Amino acid sequence: MTGVAVYDSVPLGKNRPGGWLVIGGTSASTPIVAGIYGLAGNAKTLSSTFARSIYGVAGSRALNHIRAGSNGSCPRVYDYICNAGPGYNGPTGWGTPNGIAAF
């Protein structure tokens, strides 16, 4: 299982006893990206217009470009969604943040 370790101090019944959990996907990435916006000092200007500005730095060193990789095996019709390549791609978009410069 991949993800980030999160400590939940509030038990929510026997199915969620609290303690250490592994969280992934949007549940992990959304607070991480929101934190990066905050570190960049742009939390108040977070809007769809501002978010689109990330793509303006796509060719810069503000993003780590993913040139190859795979999310696993997929039928050929889903090749774009599962396989990373140069430029914009399904699994990583324009890449991963290199610090806060992209935000």
Protein backbone atom coordinates (compact mmCIF):
# COMPACT_ATOMS: atom_id res chain seq x y z
CA MET A 1 0.00 0.00 0.00
CA THR A 2 1.34 3.44 -0.89
CA GLY A 3 0.45 6.77 0.64
CA VAL A 4 1.44 8.97 3.54
CA ALA A 5 1.30 8.14 7.24
CA VAL A 6 -1.32 10.15 9.13
CA TYR A 7 -2.08 10.01 12.85
CA ASP A 8 -5.78 10.20 13.68
CA SER A 9 -6.30 11.01 17.35
CA VAL A 10 -10.11 10.79 17.17
CA PRO A 11 -11.52 7.25 16.99
CA LEU A 12 -14.68 6.96 14.89
CA GLY A 13 -15.94 3.55 15.97
CA LYS A 14 -14.60 0.06 15.47
CA ASN A 15 -13.98 0.56 11.72
CA ARG A 16 -11.80 3.63 12.40
CA PRO A 17 -10.13 3.10 15.75
CA GLY A 18 -7.72 6.04 15.41
CA GLY A 19 -3.95 5.83 15.52
CA TRP A 20 -1.68 5.61 12.48
CA LEU A 21 -3.33 5.25 9.07
CA VAL A 22 -2.05 5.23 5.50
CA ILE A 23 -3.84 7.80 3.36
CA GLY A 24 -3.38 8.15 -0.39
CA GLY A 25 -4.91 9.66 -3.50
CA THR A 26 -6.85 12.91 -3.27
CA SER A 27 -7.06 12.58 0.53
CA ALA A 28 -3.29 12.97 0.66
CA SER A 29 -2.57 15.22 -2.30
CA THR A 30 -5.18 17.93 -1.66
CA PRO A 31 -3.86 19.05 1.76
CA ILE A 32 -0.28 18.83 0.47
CA VAL A 33 -1.02 21.12 -2.50
CA ALA A 34 -3.06 23.47 -0.28
CA GLY A 35 -0.07 23.67 2.07
CA ILE A 36 2.25 24.53 -0.82
CA TYR A 37 -0.09 27.36 -1.89
CA GLY A 38 0.01 28.61 1.70
CA LEU A 39 3.82 28.44 1.86
CA ALA A 40 3.99 30.38 -1.40
CA GLY A 41 1.89 33.13 0.20
CA ASN A 42 -0.98 32.72 -2.24
CA ALA A 43 -3.63 31.15 -0.03
CA LYS A 44 -5.95 34.19 -0.33
CA THR A 45 -5.68 34.28 -4.11
CA LEU A 46 -6.43 30.58 -4.60
CA SER A 47 -8.94 30.53 -7.43
CA SER A 48 -9.41 28.74 -10.73
CA THR A 49 -7.68 31.66 -12.49
CA PHE A 50 -4.67 31.48 -10.18
CA ALA A 51 -4.55 27.68 -10.35
CA ARG A 52 -4.37 27.88 -14.15
CA SER A 53 -1.22 30.00 -13.78
CA ILE A 54 0.66 26.85 -12.73
CA TYR A 55 0.58 25.76 -16.35
CA GLY A 56 2.40 28.95 -17.33
CA VAL A 57 5.51 27.63 -15.57
CA ALA A 58 5.29 24.20 -17.20
CA GLY A 59 8.48 24.70 -19.20
CA SER A 60 10.45 26.07 -16.26
CA ARG A 61 12.44 24.46 -13.48
CA ALA A 62 9.52 25.08 -11.10
CA LEU A 63 8.21 21.60 -11.92
CA ASN A 64 10.03 18.27 -11.96
CA HIS A 65 9.07 16.83 -15.32
CA ILE A 66 8.27 13.13 -15.38
CA ARG A 67 9.65 11.70 -18.61
CA ALA A 68 8.76 8.01 -18.20
CA GLY A 69 6.81 5.76 -15.90
CA SER A 70 3.60 3.83 -15.48
CA ASN A 71 0.64 3.52 -13.12
CA GLY A 72 0.52 -0.19 -13.89
CA SER A 73 -0.79 -2.17 -16.81
CA CYS A 74 -3.79 -0.83 -18.67
CA PRO A 75 -5.60 -1.73 -21.87
CA ARG A 76 -4.10 0.14 -24.84
CA VAL A 77 -7.12 2.46 -25.05
CA TYR A 78 -6.07 3.87 -21.63
CA ASP A 79 -2.37 4.21 -22.49
CA TYR A 80 -2.43 8.02 -22.02
CA ILE A 81 -3.93 7.71 -18.54
CA CYS A 82 -1.49 5.04 -17.34
CA ASN A 83 1.85 5.99 -18.88
CA ALA A 84 3.95 9.09 -18.35
CA GLY A 85 6.06 10.63 -21.09
CA PRO A 86 7.70 13.93 -22.05
CA GLY A 87 5.47 17.00 -21.74
CA TYR A 88 1.98 16.85 -20.32
CA ASN A 89 0.78 13.33 -19.51
CA GLY A 90 -2.12 11.62 -17.76
CA PRO A 91 -0.45 10.31 -14.59
CA THR A 92 1.51 13.45 -13.64
CA GLY A 93 0.14 16.38 -15.61
CA TRP A 94 3.08 18.76 -16.09
CA GLY A 95 5.10 17.11 -13.32
CA THR A 96 5.62 17.47 -9.59
CA PRO A 97 6.37 20.74 -7.77
CA ASN A 98 10.01 21.70 -7.29
CA GLY A 99 9.52 23.83 -4.20
CA ILE A 100 6.92 26.62 -4.20
CA ALA A 101 7.92 28.50 -7.38
CA ALA A 102 5.07 27.01 -9.43
CA PHE A 103 2.49 28.24 -6.96
